[in-house]
Amino acid sequence: MKKGEKALMIDELKEKFANNPFFYITDSSALTVEAINKFRRICYDKGIEVHVVKNTLAKKAMEPNAEEKNYVAIYDALHGPTTLLFCETANLPAKVIKEFRKTNEKPVLKAAYIDSGVFMGDNQLDVLAALKSKNELIGEIVGLLQSPAKNVISALKSGGNTIAGLVKALEERAN
């Protein structure tokens, strides 16, 4: 790779790191070409960007914001073959990796960066897959906020019908 190509790659990675609050670092070496293509296709279908990168280029792309965004903690994962997964949903890459590994040994999770939090090691995969997405959390909160209001409205409606029914029954008896 020539110096100009490296500079372009670093700039592209800087942009990816700046625009994505979630990314995963994996090792997908030893996968067959067929398996890696299948994994890439699954990721593409789910909206996950897959980039095989040189560790030094990834590290250089992280350096300008390393202290501010806590990228320094990830540097230990930048060794050996590295594949970066970028996504807008924190738990989606973990779910895809977990599902893919039902039939394959790899990719192995080296690290994940989730909103300035760093998860190191493949043993964190279950934790990451269990994370709820922003939309799931918002849905739960809205549901929790709506349920008391729905109960009050239901009680008022049913109570109103009951009172009206009682008044009507009393009126009919009086006549």
N, C-alpha and C. Protein backbone atom coordinates (compact mmCIF):
# COMPACT_ATOMS: atom_id res chain seq x y z
N MET A 1 0.85 -1.16 0.00
CA MET A 1 0.00 0.00 0.00
C MET A 1 0.90 1.23 0.00
N LYS A 2 0.63 2.14 -0.92
CA LYS A 2 1.44 3.35 -1.02
C LYS A 2 1.04 4.37 0.04
N LYS A 3 1.92 5.34 0.25
CA LYS A 3 1.72 6.33 1.30
C LYS A 3 0.40 7.11 1.10
N GLY A 4 0.11 7.48 -0.14
CA GLY A 4 -1.13 8.20 -0.44
C GLY A 4 -2.37 7.36 -0.13
N GLU A 5 -2.30 6.07 -0.45
CA GLU A 5 -3.42 5.17 -0.16
C GLU A 5 -3.62 5.01 1.34
N LYS A 6 -2.50 4.96 2.07
CA LYS A 6 -2.59 4.85 3.52
C LYS A 6 -3.24 6.09 4.12
N ALA A 7 -2.85 7.27 3.61
CA ALA A 7 -3.43 8.52 4.11
C ALA A 7 -4.93 8.56 3.84
N LEU A 8 -5.34 8.11 2.66
CA LEU A 8 -6.77 8.06 2.34
C LEU A 8 -7.51 7.10 3.27
N MET A 9 -6.92 5.96 3.51
CA MET A 9 -7.53 4.96 4.39
C MET A 9 -7.65 5.50 5.81
N ILE A 10 -6.62 6.18 6.29
CA ILE A 10 -6.66 6.76 7.64
C ILE A 10 -7.76 7.81 7.72
N ASP A 11 -7.87 8.66 6.70
CA ASP A 11 -8.93 9.68 6.69
C ASP A 11 -10.32 9.04 6.69
N GLU A 12 -10.47 7.99 5.91
CA GLU A 12 -11.76 7.29 5.85
C GLU A 12 -12.09 6.67 7.21
N LEU A 13 -11.10 6.07 7.84
CA LEU A 13 -11.32 5.48 9.17
C LEU A 13 -11.60 6.54 10.22
N LYS A 14 -10.91 7.68 10.14
CA LYS A 14 -11.18 8.78 11.08
C LYS A 14 -12.65 9.19 11.00
N GLU A 15 -13.15 9.29 9.77
CA GLU A 15 -14.54 9.66 9.56
C GLU A 15 -15.48 8.60 10.14
N LYS A 16 -15.15 7.34 9.92
CA LYS A 16 -15.97 6.24 10.45
C LYS A 16 -16.01 6.28 11.98
N PHE A 17 -14.84 6.46 12.60
CA PHE A 17 -14.79 6.51 14.06
C PHE A 17 -15.54 7.74 14.60
N ALA A 18 -15.46 8.86 13.88
CA ALA A 18 -16.14 10.07 14.32
C ALA A 18 -17.66 9.96 14.21
N ASN A 19 -18.13 9.26 13.18
CA ASN A 19 -19.57 9.19 12.91
C ASN A 19 -20.27 7.98 13.50
N ASN A 20 -19.53 7.06 14.08
CA ASN A 20 -20.13 5.85 14.63
C ASN A 20 -19.80 5.70 16.11
N PRO A 21 -20.79 5.83 16.98
CA PRO A 21 -20.53 5.67 18.41
C PRO A 21 -20.35 4.20 18.82
N PHE A 22 -20.60 3.29 17.86
CA PHE A 22 -20.47 1.86 18.14
C PHE A 22 -19.60 1.21 17.07
N PHE A 23 -18.59 0.47 17.49
CA PHE A 23 -17.86 -0.36 16.54
C PHE A 23 -17.26 -1.55 17.27
N TYR A 24 -17.06 -2.60 16.50
CA TYR A 24 -16.53 -3.86 17.02
C TYR A 24 -15.23 -4.18 16.32
N ILE A 25 -14.29 -4.76 17.04
CA ILE A 25 -13.02 -5.22 16.47
C ILE A 25 -13.03 -6.74 16.60
N THR A 26 -12.91 -7.41 15.46
CA THR A 26 -12.97 -8.88 15.46
C THR A 26 -11.78 -9.48 14.75
N ASP A 27 -11.60 -10.76 14.97
CA ASP A 27 -10.60 -11.55 14.25
C ASP A 27 -11.35 -12.58 13.43
N SER A 28 -11.31 -12.42 12.12
CA SER A 28 -12.01 -13.37 11.25
C SER A 28 -11.03 -14.17 10.42
N SER A 29 -9.78 -14.25 10.89
CA SER A 29 -8.79 -15.06 10.17
C SER A 29 -9.20 -16.52 10.28
N ALA A 30 -8.72 -17.31 9.40
CA ALA A 30 -8.99 -18.75 9.33
C ALA A 30 -10.40 -19.07 8.82
N LEU A 31 -11.19 -18.05 8.52
CA LEU A 31 -12.47 -18.31 7.87
C LEU A 31 -12.19 -18.55 6.39
N THR A 32 -12.93 -19.44 5.80
CA THR A 32 -12.77 -19.67 4.36
C THR A 32 -13.32 -18.46 3.61
N VAL A 33 -12.95 -18.35 2.35
CA VAL A 33 -13.45 -17.25 1.52
C VAL A 33 -14.98 -17.30 1.48
N GLU A 34 -15.51 -18.49 1.35
CA GLU A 34 -16.97 -18.65 1.31
C GLU A 34 -17.61 -18.16 2.61
N ALA A 35 -17.01 -18.53 3.74
CA ALA A 35 -17.56 -18.14 5.05
C ALA A 35 -17.46 -16.63 5.27
N ILE A 36 -16.33 -16.04 4.91
CA ILE A 36 -16.18 -14.59 5.10
C ILE A 36 -17.13 -13.82 4.19
N ASN A 37 -17.33 -14.32 2.98
CA ASN A 37 -18.29 -13.67 2.08
C ASN A 37 -19.72 -13.78 2.62
N LYS A 38 -20.04 -14.92 3.19
CA LYS A 38 -21.36 -15.11 3.80
C LYS A 38 -21.54 -14.16 4.98
N PHE A 39 -20.50 -14.05 5.82
CA PHE A 39 -20.55 -13.14 6.96
C PHE A 39 -20.72 -11.69 6.50
N ARG A 40 -19.97 -11.29 5.49
CA ARG A 40 -20.09 -9.92 4.96
C ARG A 40 -21.49 -9.67 4.42
N ARG A 41 -22.06 -10.65 3.73
CA ARG A 41 -23.40 -10.51 3.16
C ARG A 41 -24.43 -10.34 4.27
N ILE A 42 -24.32 -11.13 5.32
CA ILE A 42 -25.24 -11.02 6.46
C ILE A 42 -25.12 -9.63 7.08
N CYS A 43 -23.88 -9.18 7.27
CA CYS A 43 -23.65 -7.85 7.85
C CYS A 43 -24.24 -6.76 6.96
N TYR A 44 -24.01 -6.87 5.67
CA TYR A 44 -24.52 -5.87 4.72
C TYR A 44 -26.05 -5.82 4.79
N ASP A 45 -26.69 -6.98 4.83
CA ASP A 45 -28.15 -7.04 4.91
C ASP A 45 -28.68 -6.41 6.19
N LYS A 46 -27.90 -6.47 7.26
CA LYS A 46 -28.33 -5.91 8.55
C LYS A 46 -27.89 -4.45 8.74
N GLY A 47 -27.17 -3.89 7.77
CA GLY A 47 -26.73 -2.50 7.87
C GLY A 47 -25.43 -2.32 8.64
N ILE A 48 -24.62 -3.36 8.70
CA ILE A 48 -23.33 -3.30 9.38
C ILE A 48 -22.23 -3.18 8.33
N GLU A 49 -21.37 -2.18 8.49
CA GLU A 49 -20.24 -2.01 7.57
C GLU A 49 -19.06 -2.85 8.05
N VAL A 50 -18.46 -3.59 7.14
CA VAL A 50 -17.32 -4.46 7.47
C VAL A 50 -16.09 -3.94 6.76
N HIS A 51 -15.00 -3.73 7.51
CA HIS A 51 -13.74 -3.26 6.95
C HIS A 51 -12.59 -4.08 7.52
N VAL A 52 -11.81 -4.70 6.64
CA VAL A 52 -10.58 -5.37 7.06
C VAL A 52 -9.49 -4.32 6.97
N VAL A 53 -8.80 -4.08 8.08
CA VAL A 53 -7.83 -2.98 8.13
C VAL A 53 -6.52 -3.44 8.75
N LYS A 54 -5.50 -2.65 8.45
CA LYS A 54 -4.21 -2.85 9.13
C LYS A 54 -4.31 -2.18 10.50
N ASN A 55 -3.76 -2.85 11.49
CA ASN A 55 -3.84 -2.33 12.86
C ASN A 55 -3.20 -0.96 13.00
N THR A 56 -2.07 -0.74 12.35
CA THR A 56 -1.39 0.55 12.47
C THR A 56 -2.24 1.67 11.90
N LEU A 57 -2.94 1.40 10.81
CA LEU A 57 -3.80 2.43 10.21
C LEU A 57 -5.00 2.73 11.12
N ALA A 58 -5.58 1.70 11.70
CA ALA A 58 -6.70 1.91 12.62
C ALA A 58 -6.25 2.72 13.83
N LYS A 59 -5.08 2.39 14.35
CA LYS A 59 -4.56 3.11 15.52
C LYS A 59 -4.29 4.57 15.18
N LYS A 60 -3.70 4.83 14.01
CA LYS A 60 -3.44 6.21 13.60
C LYS A 60 -4.74 6.98 13.41
N ALA A 61 -5.78 6.32 12.93
CA ALA A 61 -7.07 6.98 12.75
C ALA A 61 -7.72 7.31 14.09
N MET A 62 -7.44 6.50 15.11
CA MET A 62 -8.00 6.73 16.45
C MET A 62 -7.23 7.78 17.24
N GLU A 63 -5.95 7.96 16.94
CA GLU A 63 -5.07 8.79 17.77
C GLU A 63 -5.57 10.21 18.03
N PRO A 64 -6.12 10.94 17.05
CA PRO A 64 -6.54 12.32 17.35
C PRO A 64 -7.56 12.43 18.49
N ASN A 65 -8.40 11.44 18.67
CA ASN A 65 -9.43 11.47 19.71
C ASN A 65 -9.21 10.39 20.77
N ALA A 66 -8.02 9.85 20.84
CA ALA A 66 -7.75 8.69 21.70
C ALA A 66 -8.08 8.95 23.17
N GLU A 67 -7.64 10.05 23.71
CA GLU A 67 -7.88 10.35 25.12
C GLU A 67 -9.33 10.72 25.37
N GLU A 68 -9.86 11.58 24.52
CA GLU A 68 -11.22 12.09 24.69
C GLU A 68 -12.27 10.97 24.61
N LYS A 69 -12.11 10.07 23.66
CA LYS A 69 -13.11 9.02 23.44
C LYS A 69 -12.72 7.67 24.05
N ASN A 70 -11.65 7.62 24.79
CA ASN A 70 -11.20 6.40 25.46
C ASN A 70 -10.79 5.30 24.48
N TYR A 71 -10.26 5.68 23.33
CA TYR A 71 -9.78 4.70 22.36
C TYR A 71 -8.51 4.00 22.85
N VAL A 72 -7.78 4.63 23.77
CA VAL A 72 -6.52 4.06 24.26
C VAL A 72 -6.76 2.66 24.82
N ALA A 73 -7.90 2.45 25.44
CA ALA A 73 -8.22 1.14 26.02
C ALA A 73 -8.36 0.05 24.96
N ILE A 74 -8.59 0.45 23.73
CA ILE A 74 -8.79 -0.52 22.64
C ILE A 74 -7.48 -0.92 21.98
N TYR A 75 -6.45 -0.14 22.16
CA TYR A 75 -5.18 -0.40 21.47
C TYR A 75 -4.67 -1.83 21.66
N ASP A 76 -4.92 -2.41 22.83
CA ASP A 76 -4.46 -3.78 23.08
C ASP A 76 -5.11 -4.80 22.15
N ALA A 77 -6.29 -4.47 21.64
CA ALA A 77 -7.00 -5.39 20.74
C ALA A 77 -6.50 -5.29 19.30
N LEU A 78 -5.71 -4.27 19.02
CA LEU A 78 -5.22 -4.07 17.66
C LEU A 78 -3.93 -4.86 17.43
N HIS A 79 -4.08 -6.15 17.32
CA HIS A 79 -2.97 -7.04 16.99
C HIS A 79 -3.54 -8.20 16.19
N GLY A 80 -2.75 -8.76 15.35
CA GLY A 80 -3.22 -9.86 14.51
C GLY A 80 -4.22 -9.38 13.47
N PRO A 81 -4.84 -10.29 12.75
CA PRO A 81 -5.82 -9.91 11.73
C PRO A 81 -7.00 -9.18 12.36
N THR A 82 -7.38 -8.06 11.78
CA THR A 82 -8.43 -7.22 12.36
C THR A 82 -9.50 -6.88 11.34
N THR A 83 -10.73 -7.08 11.75
CA THR A 83 -11.89 -6.67 10.97
C THR A 83 -12.70 -5.72 11.84
N LEU A 84 -13.04 -4.56 11.29
CA LEU A 84 -13.85 -3.58 12.02
C LEU A 84 -15.29 -3.68 11.54
N LEU A 85 -16.22 -3.64 12.48
CA LEU A 85 -17.65 -3.64 12.18
C LEU A 85 -18.24 -2.34 12.71
N PHE A 86 -18.82 -1.54 11.82
CA PHE A 86 -19.45 -0.28 12.21
C PHE A 86 -20.96 -0.41 12.06
N CYS A 87 -21.70 0.09 13.06
CA CYS A 87 -23.15 -0.03 13.01
C CYS A 87 -23.77 1.09 13.84
N GLU A 88 -25.03 1.40 13.56
CA GLU A 88 -25.73 2.44 14.31
C GLU A 88 -26.51 1.87 15.50
N THR A 89 -26.53 0.56 15.62
CA THR A 89 -27.20 -0.10 16.74
C THR A 89 -26.15 -0.85 17.55
N ALA A 90 -26.09 -0.59 18.83
CA ALA A 90 -25.01 -1.12 19.67
C ALA A 90 -24.94 -2.64 19.71
N ASN A 91 -26.08 -3.30 19.77
CA ASN A 91 -26.06 -4.75 19.99
C ASN A 91 -26.14 -5.58 18.71
N LEU A 92 -26.41 -4.97 17.59
CA LEU A 92 -26.62 -5.73 16.35
C LEU A 92 -25.40 -6.54 15.90
N PRO A 93 -24.19 -5.97 15.88
CA PRO A 93 -23.03 -6.79 15.49
C PRO A 93 -22.82 -7.99 16.42
N ALA A 94 -23.06 -7.82 17.70
CA ALA A 94 -22.90 -8.94 18.64
C ALA A 94 -23.90 -10.04 18.34
N LYS A 95 -25.12 -9.66 18.03
CA LYS A 95 -26.14 -10.65 17.69
C LYS A 95 -25.78 -11.39 16.40
N VAL A 96 -25.27 -10.65 15.41
CA VAL A 96 -24.88 -11.26 14.14
C VAL A 96 -23.71 -12.23 14.36
N ILE A 97 -22.71 -11.80 15.12
CA ILE A 97 -21.55 -12.66 15.40
C ILE A 97 -22.00 -13.92 16.13
N LYS A 98 -22.84 -13.75 17.13
CA LYS A 98 -23.32 -14.88 17.92
C LYS A 98 -24.08 -15.87 17.04
N GLU A 99 -24.94 -15.37 16.19
CA GLU A 99 -25.71 -16.23 15.28
C GLU A 99 -24.80 -16.93 14.28
N PHE A 100 -23.83 -16.18 13.73
CA PHE A 100 -22.92 -16.74 12.73
C PHE A 100 -22.05 -17.84 13.35
N ARG A 101 -21.71 -17.68 14.61
CA ARG A 101 -20.83 -18.65 15.27
C ARG A 101 -21.54 -19.94 15.66
N LYS A 102 -22.80 -20.02 15.41
CA LYS A 102 -23.49 -21.30 15.62
C LYS A 102 -23.01 -22.33 14.61
N THR A 103 -22.54 -21.84 13.45
CA THR A 103 -22.05 -22.75 12.40
C THR A 103 -20.57 -22.56 12.09
N ASN A 104 -19.92 -21.55 12.68
CA ASN A 104 -18.50 -21.27 12.43
C ASN A 104 -17.81 -20.95 13.76
N GLU A 105 -16.50 -21.15 13.79
CA GLU A 105 -15.74 -20.84 15.01
C GLU A 105 -15.43 -19.36 15.13
N LYS A 106 -15.39 -18.68 14.03
CA LYS A 106 -15.04 -17.26 14.03
C LYS A 106 -16.13 -16.49 13.32
N PRO A 107 -16.17 -15.19 13.43
CA PRO A 107 -15.19 -14.27 13.98
C PRO A 107 -15.20 -14.25 15.51
N VAL A 108 -14.03 -13.96 16.04
CA VAL A 108 -13.85 -13.85 17.48
C VAL A 108 -13.83 -12.37 17.84
N LEU A 109 -14.59 -12.00 18.85
CA LEU A 109 -14.63 -10.61 19.29
C LEU A 109 -13.36 -10.27 20.05
N LYS A 110 -12.65 -9.25 19.58
CA LYS A 110 -11.45 -8.78 20.28
C LYS A 110 -11.82 -7.64 21.22
N ALA A 111 -12.68 -6.73 20.73
CA ALA A 111 -13.11 -5.60 21.54
C ALA A 111 -14.34 -4.96 20.91
N ALA A 112 -15.07 -4.21 21.71
CA ALA A 112 -16.21 -3.44 21.22
C ALA A 112 -16.19 -2.09 21.90
N TYR A 113 -16.56 -1.07 21.15
CA TYR A 113 -16.62 0.30 21.67
C TYR A 113 -18.07 0.74 21.59
N ILE A 114 -18.68 0.96 22.75
CA ILE A 114 -20.09 1.33 22.82
C ILE A 114 -20.20 2.62 23.63
N ASP A 115 -20.46 3.74 22.96
CA ASP A 115 -20.62 5.03 23.64
C ASP A 115 -19.54 5.30 24.68
N SER A 116 -18.32 5.24 24.30
CA SER A 116 -17.12 5.47 25.11
C SER A 116 -16.84 4.36 26.13
N GLY A 117 -17.65 3.33 26.14
CA GLY A 117 -17.38 2.17 26.98
C GLY A 117 -16.67 1.11 26.16
N VAL A 118 -15.69 0.45 26.75
CA VAL A 118 -14.90 -0.55 26.03
C VAL A 118 -15.17 -1.92 26.64
N PHE A 119 -15.48 -2.87 25.78
CA PHE A 119 -15.70 -4.26 26.17
C PHE A 119 -14.59 -5.08 25.52
N MET A 120 -13.73 -5.67 26.32
CA MET A 120 -12.58 -6.42 25.81
C MET A 120 -12.82 -7.92 25.91
N GLY A 121 -12.55 -8.61 24.83
CA GLY A 121 -12.55 -10.07 24.85
C GLY A 121 -13.83 -10.71 24.36
N ASP A 122 -13.68 -11.93 23.89
CA ASP A 122 -14.79 -12.69 23.33
C ASP A 122 -15.82 -13.07 24.39
N ASN A 123 -15.42 -13.09 25.65
CA ASN A 123 -16.35 -13.44 26.73
C ASN A 123 -17.41 -12.35 26.95
N GLN A 124 -17.26 -11.20 26.33
CA GLN A 124 -18.22 -10.10 26.46
C GLN A 124 -19.35 -10.18 25.43
N LEU A 125 -19.28 -11.15 24.54
CA LEU A 125 -20.25 -11.24 23.44
C LEU A 125 -21.69 -11.37 23.94
N ASP A 126 -21.92 -12.19 24.94
CA ASP A 126 -23.28 -12.36 25.48
C ASP A 126 -23.79 -11.07 26.11
N VAL A 127 -22.92 -10.37 26.81
CA VAL A 127 -23.30 -9.09 27.43
C VAL A 127 -23.70 -8.09 26.35
N LEU A 128 -22.90 -8.01 25.29
CA LEU A 128 -23.18 -7.07 24.21
C LEU A 128 -24.45 -7.43 23.46
N ALA A 129 -24.69 -8.70 23.25
CA ALA A 129 -25.90 -9.13 22.54
C ALA A 129 -27.15 -8.82 23.36
N ALA A 130 -27.01 -8.81 24.69
CA ALA A 130 -28.16 -8.55 25.56
C ALA A 130 -28.46 -7.06 25.72
N LEU A 131 -27.54 -6.20 25.29
CA LEU A 131 -27.80 -4.76 25.38
C LEU A 131 -29.04 -4.41 24.58
N LYS A 132 -29.78 -3.45 25.07
CA LYS A 132 -30.97 -3.01 24.34
C LYS A 132 -30.60 -1.80 23.49
N SER A 133 -31.20 -1.74 22.32
CA SER A 133 -30.95 -0.61 21.43
C SER A 133 -31.69 0.61 21.97
N LYS A 134 -31.34 1.75 21.46
CA LYS A 134 -31.96 3.01 21.88
C LYS A 134 -33.47 2.95 21.63
N ASN A 135 -33.87 2.45 20.46
CA ASN A 135 -35.30 2.37 20.14
C ASN A 135 -36.04 1.42 21.07
N GLU A 136 -35.40 0.30 21.43
CA GLU A 136 -36.03 -0.64 22.36
C GLU A 136 -36.23 0.01 23.74
N LEU A 137 -35.23 0.75 24.20
CA LEU A 137 -35.34 1.42 25.50
C LEU A 137 -36.42 2.49 25.48
N ILE A 138 -36.48 3.27 24.40
CA ILE A 138 -37.51 4.31 24.28
C ILE A 138 -38.89 3.67 24.28
N GLY A 139 -39.04 2.56 23.54
CA GLY A 139 -40.32 1.86 23.50
C GLY A 139 -40.75 1.38 24.88
N GLU A 140 -39.81 0.84 25.64
CA GLU A 140 -40.13 0.37 26.99
C GLU A 140 -40.54 1.53 27.90
N ILE A 141 -39.82 2.63 27.81
CA ILE A 141 -40.14 3.80 28.65
C ILE A 141 -41.51 4.35 28.30
N VAL A 142 -41.80 4.47 27.01
CA VAL A 142 -43.11 4.97 26.58
C VAL A 142 -44.21 4.02 27.07
N GLY A 143 -43.97 2.72 26.96
CA GLY A 143 -44.95 1.74 27.44
C GLY A 143 -45.19 1.87 28.93
N LEU A 144 -44.12 2.06 29.69
CA LEU A 144 -44.26 2.22 31.14
C LEU A 144 -44.99 3.50 31.49
N LEU A 145 -44.72 4.56 30.74
CA LEU A 145 -45.39 5.83 31.01
C LEU A 145 -46.87 5.78 30.63
N GLN A 146 -47.19 5.05 29.57
CA GLN A 146 -48.57 4.99 29.10
C GLN A 146 -49.45 4.10 29.96
N SER A 147 -48.90 3.05 30.54
CA SER A 147 -49.76 2.08 31.23
C SER A 147 -50.54 2.68 32.40
N PRO A 148 -49.96 3.53 33.27
CA PRO A 148 -50.79 4.12 34.33
C PRO A 148 -51.89 5.02 33.77
N ALA A 149 -51.58 5.77 32.74
CA ALA A 149 -52.58 6.65 32.14
C ALA A 149 -53.72 5.83 31.54
N LYS A 150 -53.37 4.73 30.87
CA LYS A 150 -54.40 3.87 30.28
C LYS A 150 -55.29 3.27 31.37
N ASN A 151 -54.68 2.88 32.49
CA ASN A 151 -55.46 2.30 33.58
C ASN A 151 -56.44 3.31 34.16
N VAL A 152 -56.01 4.55 34.32
CA VAL A 152 -56.88 5.60 34.86
C VAL A 152 -58.02 5.87 33.89
N ILE A 153 -57.69 5.99 32.61
CA ILE A 153 -58.73 6.26 31.60
C ILE A 153 -59.72 5.11 31.55
N SER A 154 -59.23 3.88 31.58
CA SER A 154 -60.12 2.71 31.57
C SER A 154 -61.04 2.71 32.78
N ALA A 155 -60.49 3.02 33.93
CA ALA A 155 -61.29 3.04 35.15
C ALA A 155 -62.36 4.12 35.08
N LEU A 156 -61.99 5.28 34.56
CA LEU A 156 -62.96 6.37 34.44
C LEU A 156 -64.06 6.00 33.44
N LYS A 157 -63.67 5.42 32.33
CA LYS A 157 -64.66 5.04 31.32
C LYS A 157 -65.60 3.97 31.86
N SER A 158 -65.05 2.94 32.46
CA SER A 158 -65.91 1.86 32.96
C SER A 158 -66.75 2.34 34.13
N GLY A 159 -66.17 3.18 34.95
CA GLY A 159 -66.93 3.73 36.07
C GLY A 159 -68.06 4.60 35.59
N GLY A 160 -67.81 5.38 34.56
CA GLY A 160 -68.86 6.24 34.00
C GLY A 160 -69.98 5.41 33.43
N ASN A 161 -69.66 4.35 32.76
CA ASN A 161 -70.69 3.47 32.20
C ASN A 161 -71.49 2.80 33.31
N THR A 162 -70.82 2.43 34.36
CA THR A 162 -71.49 1.77 35.48
C THR A 162 -72.44 2.74 36.17
N ILE A 163 -71.99 3.95 36.40
CA ILE A 163 -72.84 4.96 37.05
C ILE A 163 -74.03 5.28 36.17
N ALA A 164 -73.78 5.47 34.88
CA ALA A 164 -74.88 5.76 33.96
C ALA A 164 -75.86 4.60 33.93
N GLY A 165 -75.35 3.38 33.96
CA GLY A 165 -76.22 2.20 33.97
C GLY A 165 -77.05 2.14 35.23
N LEU A 166 -76.44 2.46 36.37
CA LEU A 166 -77.17 2.45 37.64
C LEU A 166 -78.26 3.51 37.64
N VAL A 167 -77.94 4.70 37.17
CA VAL A 167 -78.92 5.79 37.12
C VAL A 167 -80.09 5.39 36.22
N LYS A 168 -79.77 4.79 35.08
CA LYS A 168 -80.81 4.38 34.14
C LYS A 168 -81.68 3.29 34.76
N ALA A 169 -81.08 2.33 35.44
CA ALA A 169 -81.83 1.25 36.09
C ALA A 169 -82.73 1.81 37.19
N LEU A 170 -82.21 2.75 37.98
CA LEU A 170 -83.01 3.36 39.04
C LEU A 170 -84.17 4.15 38.45
N GLU A 171 -83.91 4.82 37.35
CA GLU A 171 -84.94 5.61 36.68
C GLU A 171 -86.05 4.70 36.17
N GLU A 172 -85.66 3.56 35.59
CA GLU A 172 -86.66 2.61 35.07
C GLU A 172 -87.48 2.01 36.21
N ARG A 173 -86.89 1.77 37.34
CA ARG A 173 -87.62 1.22 38.49
C ARG A 173 -88.61 2.24 39.04
N ALA A 174 -88.20 3.49 38.99
CA ALA A 174 -89.06 4.54 39.52
C ALA A 174 -90.30 4.69 38.64
N ASN A 175 -90.16 4.45 37.36
CA ASN A 175 -91.30 4.61 36.45
C ASN A 175 -92.15 3.42 36.52
